[in-house]
C-alpha atoms as a PDB file:
ATOM      1  CA  MET A   1      14.795  42.957   0.655  1.00  0.00           C
ATOM      2  CA  LYS A   2      11.623  43.957  -1.616  1.00  0.00           C
ATOM      3  CA  PRO A   3      10.788  41.499  -4.420  1.00  0.00           C
ATOM      4  CA  PHE A   4      12.327  42.099  -7.878  1.00  0.00           C
ATOM      5  CA  SER A   5      10.561  44.714 -10.073  1.00  0.00           C
ATOM      6  CA  SER A   6      11.641  47.036 -12.963  1.00  0.00           C
ATOM      7  CA  ARG A   7      10.781  49.944 -10.950  1.00  0.00           C
ATOM      8  CA  ASN A   8      13.428  49.082  -7.682  1.00  0.00           C
ATOM      9  CA  TRP A   9      16.033  47.163  -9.478  1.00  0.00           C
ATOM     10  CA  ARG A  10      18.750  49.746  -8.916  1.00  0.00           C
ATOM     11  CA  GLU A  11      17.752  49.219  -4.762  1.00  0.00           C
ATOM     12  CA  ASN A  12      18.267  45.485  -5.099  1.00  0.00           C
ATOM     13  CA  LEU A  13      21.899  45.927  -6.330  1.00  0.00           C
ATOM     14  CA  VAL A  14      24.559  45.315  -3.669  1.00  0.00           C
ATOM     15  CA  GLY A  15      27.158  47.860  -4.104  1.00  0.00           C
ATOM     16  CA  PHE A  16      25.551  49.622  -7.306  1.00  0.00           C
ATOM     17  CA  ARG A  17      27.472  52.252  -8.740  1.00  0.00           C
ATOM     18  CA  PRO A  18      26.743  54.508 -11.677  1.00  0.00           C
ATOM     19  CA  ARG A  19      29.234  53.575 -14.822  1.00  0.00           C
ATOM     20  CA  ARG A  20      32.267  55.368 -15.038  1.00  0.00           C
ATOM     21  CA  VAL A  21      33.111  57.601 -17.744  1.00  0.00           C
ATOM     22  CA  GLY A  22      36.164  56.642 -19.670  1.00  0.00           C
ATOM     23  CA  ALA A  23      36.573  53.329 -17.965  1.00  0.00           C
ATOM     24  CA  ASP A  24      37.965  50.422 -19.468  1.00  0.00           C
ATOM     25  CA  ARG A  25      35.549  48.674 -21.587  1.00  0.00           C
ATOM     26  CA  SER A  26      36.630  45.056 -19.923  1.00  0.00           C
ATOM     27  CA  ASP A  27      36.072  46.774 -16.431  1.00  0.00           C
ATOM     28  CA  ASP A  28      32.733  47.786 -17.570  1.00  0.00           C
ATOM     29  CA  TYR A  29      31.714  44.785 -19.364  1.00  0.00           C
ATOM     30  CA  GLN A  30      32.719  42.997 -16.251  1.00  0.00           C
ATOM     31  CA  ASP A  31      30.758  45.215 -13.876  1.00  0.00           C
ATOM     32  CA  ARG A  32      27.387  44.769 -15.932  1.00  0.00           C
ATOM     33  CA  ALA A  33      28.122  40.948 -15.749  1.00  0.00           C
ATOM     34  CA  ALA A  34      27.801  41.275 -11.804  1.00  0.00           C
ATOM     35  CA  ASP A  35      24.811  43.668 -12.188  1.00  0.00           C
ATOM     36  CA  CYS A  36      23.135  40.756 -13.813  1.00  0.00           C
ATOM     37  CA  ILE A  37      24.277  37.781 -11.581  1.00  0.00           C
ATOM     38  CA  VAL A  38      22.834  40.305  -8.679  1.00  0.00           C
ATOM     39  CA  LEU A  39      19.584  40.629 -10.312  1.00  0.00           C
ATOM     40  CA  ALA A  40      19.285  36.986 -11.431  1.00  0.00           C
ATOM     41  CA  SER A  41      19.557  36.079  -7.403  1.00  0.00           C
ATOM     42  CA  VAL A  42      16.668  38.276  -6.860  1.00  0.00           C
ATOM     43  CA  ALA A  43      14.601  37.494  -9.874  1.00  0.00           C
ATOM     44  CA  SER A  44      11.184  35.934  -9.322  1.00  0.00           C
ATOM     45  CA  SER A  45      11.007  33.534 -12.150  1.00  0.00           C
ATOM     46  CA  GLU A  46      12.958  30.950 -13.171  1.00  0.00           C
ATOM     47  CA  TYR A  47      12.957  32.060 -16.711  1.00  0.00           C
ATOM     48  CA  ASP A  48      13.972  35.844 -15.924  1.00  0.00           C
ATOM     49  CA  ARG A  49      16.983  34.042 -13.849  1.00  0.00           C
ATOM     50  CA  LEU A  50      18.165  32.368 -16.752  1.00  0.00           C
ATOM     51  CA  ALA A  51      17.960  35.204 -18.741  1.00  0.00           C
ATOM     52  CA  LEU A  52      19.766  36.809 -16.602  1.00  0.00           C
ATOM     53  CA  LEU A  53      22.532  34.479 -16.070  1.00  0.00           C
ATOM     54  CA  ASN A  54      22.809  34.267 -20.022  1.00  0.00           C
ATOM     55  CA  MET A  55      23.329  38.064 -20.293  1.00  0.00           C
ATOM     56  CA  ALA A  56      25.914  37.904 -17.448  1.00  0.00           C
ATOM     57  CA  GLN A  57      27.480  35.208 -19.671  1.00  0.00           C
ATOM     58  CA  SER A  58      27.595  37.166 -22.568  1.00  0.00           C
ATOM     59  CA  TRP A  59      28.874  40.583 -20.864  1.00  0.00           C
ATOM     60  CA  LEU A  60      31.870  38.320 -19.370  1.00  0.00           C
ATOM     61  CA  GLU A  61      32.515  37.095 -23.239  1.00  0.00           C
ATOM     62  CA  LEU A  62      32.732  40.658 -24.317  1.00  0.00           C
ATOM     63  CA  ALA A  63      34.868  41.775 -21.601  1.00  0.00           C
ATOM     64  CA  LYS A  64      37.157  38.742 -22.599  1.00  0.00           C
ATOM     65  CA  GLN A  65      37.481  40.288 -26.067  1.00  0.00           C
ATOM     66  CA  ALA A  66      37.918  43.566 -25.018  1.00  0.00           C
ATOM     67  CA  GLU A  67      40.758  42.660 -22.863  1.00  0.00           C
ATOM     68  CA  LYS A  68      42.104  40.970 -26.211  1.00  0.00           C
ATOM     69  CA  ASN A  69      41.451  43.750 -28.567  1.00  0.00           C
ATOM     70  CA  SER A  70      43.196  46.123 -26.126  1.00  0.00           C
ATOM     71  CA  LYS A  71      46.603  44.513 -26.988  1.00  0.00           C
ATOM     72  CA  VAL A  72      46.516  45.135 -30.479  1.00  0.00           C
ATOM     73  CA  ASP A  73      46.439  48.044 -32.737  1.00  0.00           C
ATOM     74  CA  VAL A  74      44.288  47.744 -36.200  1.00  0.00           C
ATOM     75  CA  TRP A  75      43.751  50.195 -38.525  1.00  0.00           C
ATOM     76  CA  TYR A  76      42.208  50.123 -41.893  1.00  0.00           C
ATOM     77  CA  GLU A  77      43.349  52.454 -44.838  1.00  0.00           C
ATOM     78  CA  THR A  78      41.070  52.939 -47.929  1.00  0.00           C
ATOM     79  CA  PRO A  79      42.811  52.564 -51.124  1.00  0.00           C
ATOM     80  CA  LEU A  80      43.042  55.743 -53.119  1.00  0.00           C
ATOM     81  CA  THR A  81      42.034  53.912 -56.079  1.00  0.00           C
ATOM     82  CA  PRO A  82      39.114  51.504 -56.210  1.00  0.00           C
ATOM     83  CA  PRO A  83      40.189  47.904 -57.316  1.00  0.00           C
ATOM     84  CA  ARG A  84      40.133  47.190 -61.377  1.00  0.00           C
ATOM     85  CA  ARG A  85      37.847  44.845 -62.625  1.00  0.00           C
ATOM     86  CA  LYS A  86      38.637  42.281 -65.010  1.00  0.00           C
ATOM     87  CA  ALA A  87      36.857  42.303 -67.871  1.00  0.00           C
ATOM     88  CA  ALA A  88      34.256  40.177 -69.256  1.00  0.00           C
ATOM     89  CA  GLN A  89      35.137  37.630 -71.904  1.00  0.00           C
END
């Protein structure tokens, strides 16, 4: 395998696949975390490896939050009139 570089990073990914359009966000975030872990395994420096592993952890946290969010319907309606302010005394 070639050493890691920004030019050939896609070649280094095992099972690399393009992002799916309309895919569930949680699945997409998990895929991105997996990409970071694979990249970390071929990183040439300890700094890069740790940065990629931290990024993977962040993607996994986003995946967990997206999973929670997918189970909740939330909406906000703008009030028809602005709230009244109390008169200064």
